[in-house]
């Protein structure tokens, strides 16, 4: 959107990132004052998602007219979301990117639940309830766990999947003996009759990316834990006992297990992000993207190949660590800080399995394993929804070449659309088609590797296993190096690395930053009241 510095023509020392941010803030304020831009405004930016939530809270399983109304609702949501993608931005760089990303996500989520799936007909989630024993020895009385709930199957019939006794006491993430007059039991909850229950049910459906605890959860998630399956009256298989999924995602059954799994990652991630921020802000590439400004001291004398290798490696590590830190915030807050007493079942430890698959996915399956197994599967449900719909409706056959092609096309096409919209909404100027090109090149690489491996199959099978694993890794490394710059360059152009993820920086506080840096990093945040042209456009501007 905006170019403030001559970063493609100047050859001297680059301005510091603090000077760049000051210039961006001034230019952004002018654009907002002129009415050319609107900040990400709450609740205005969420109107599309609120419309989807409202529609799904209206029962339509017995009303063809209400069910048909999903089409005008969908068109209205798409129009509004596209409007926010093109008009909203933020000088807080991560927020600016998220503005377009969430706008696109609203479109994708609406199509997923209004076209590709019928959640009111098919979806069920695991829920839990407290059953209090009567003093006179009568059967336990069912009560909701924390929130009012009428637990129903479809069309209102009760779901009586009670097996075993699950007492209260969720301090360690699963049911444990509590007081003798009550117990916790799990059950499958279909679309509820009660409006309050419907609101919680639909909210969980829309906010739950991977859908753990739902009957439509993505396949790579670990199985439900044994104590939940026992309560549901379902057999407990070996994969349920192990807590390990097919791609290496690990389930944590107790709060203590969750703490041991995520807190070291969180602390190490915080330190790594601090180091990355200090290093990146010394290189003008991470401030402007490709630039003619002078190289930082640690890249002087390096060949262009080496410079690109170092920058792409730093960018890749920064992306992975930033995502991991963002993923960890939800379980830290919901499970470790608030707990089940506030969020119910959604705060139980097993609800938050790990995000990254086993490294063996890459060494065993190459580029397909990178994207289909090792990389986080946060958006897998919406990525696979179109293909699953076509298979379910009989348009294509499961596991056929056509189904595999469509799965690749939709998954990487939707991902490209998400990042395209994120690039549009960034305040600095970007090349918005670069991110989609990167994602559309990935299925090309997957098919290319499959063709080569098939053609050389007899020779490859004779090689030692270690050599085959290294070959897969080498192909992935080379492909990502020669295609990754489409994405990493555009991230840098859009100023994504100018965002301040950490409130306190030990390294900058100790003097390793640039002039003006200190311990505290979150100033100014640029949050305030925004008054739009109409009352419904006003709200908290980010």
Foldseek 3Di string as FASTA:
>chain_A
DDDDDPFAPDQAADDFLVVVLVRLVVVVVVCVVVVQAFECFPPLLCVLVVLLLVLQLDDPPPPPVSLVVLVVNLVVSLVSLVVQLQHYADSQLVRLLVSQLVSLVSNLLSCLDSPLDPQLVDKKFKAKWKWFADPVRDGTHTAHQQDHDDAADRPRHHWDQFADFFAPDQQFQGGDDDDPGMGMAMEIGHQDPDSVNNSVVSVCVSVQQQRPRMPLGDQQAQDDAPVRCRRRVHDQDPSNPQQAGPQGWHFRRTNVSLCVPQVVLLVVLVQVLLVLLQVLSQACCLAAFDGSYYGGPVCPPPDPVVVLVVLLVSLVVNVVSVVSNVLSVVLCCQAVPPRCSNVNSCNRRRVRIDFAGDPVLQLVQFLCSVVVRGHGCRNVSSQCSVLVSCCVVPVDPPPDPVSVVSSLCSNLQSVLSSSLSSLSSQSFHFDSNLSSVLSVCSVVLSVVVVVVCVVCVVVLVPDDSVVSSVVSVVSNVVSCSVNVSSPSSRCSNSSVSSRDPDQFRPCVQVPSHDPPTHGGDCPPVPWDWDDDPDNSSTRIGD
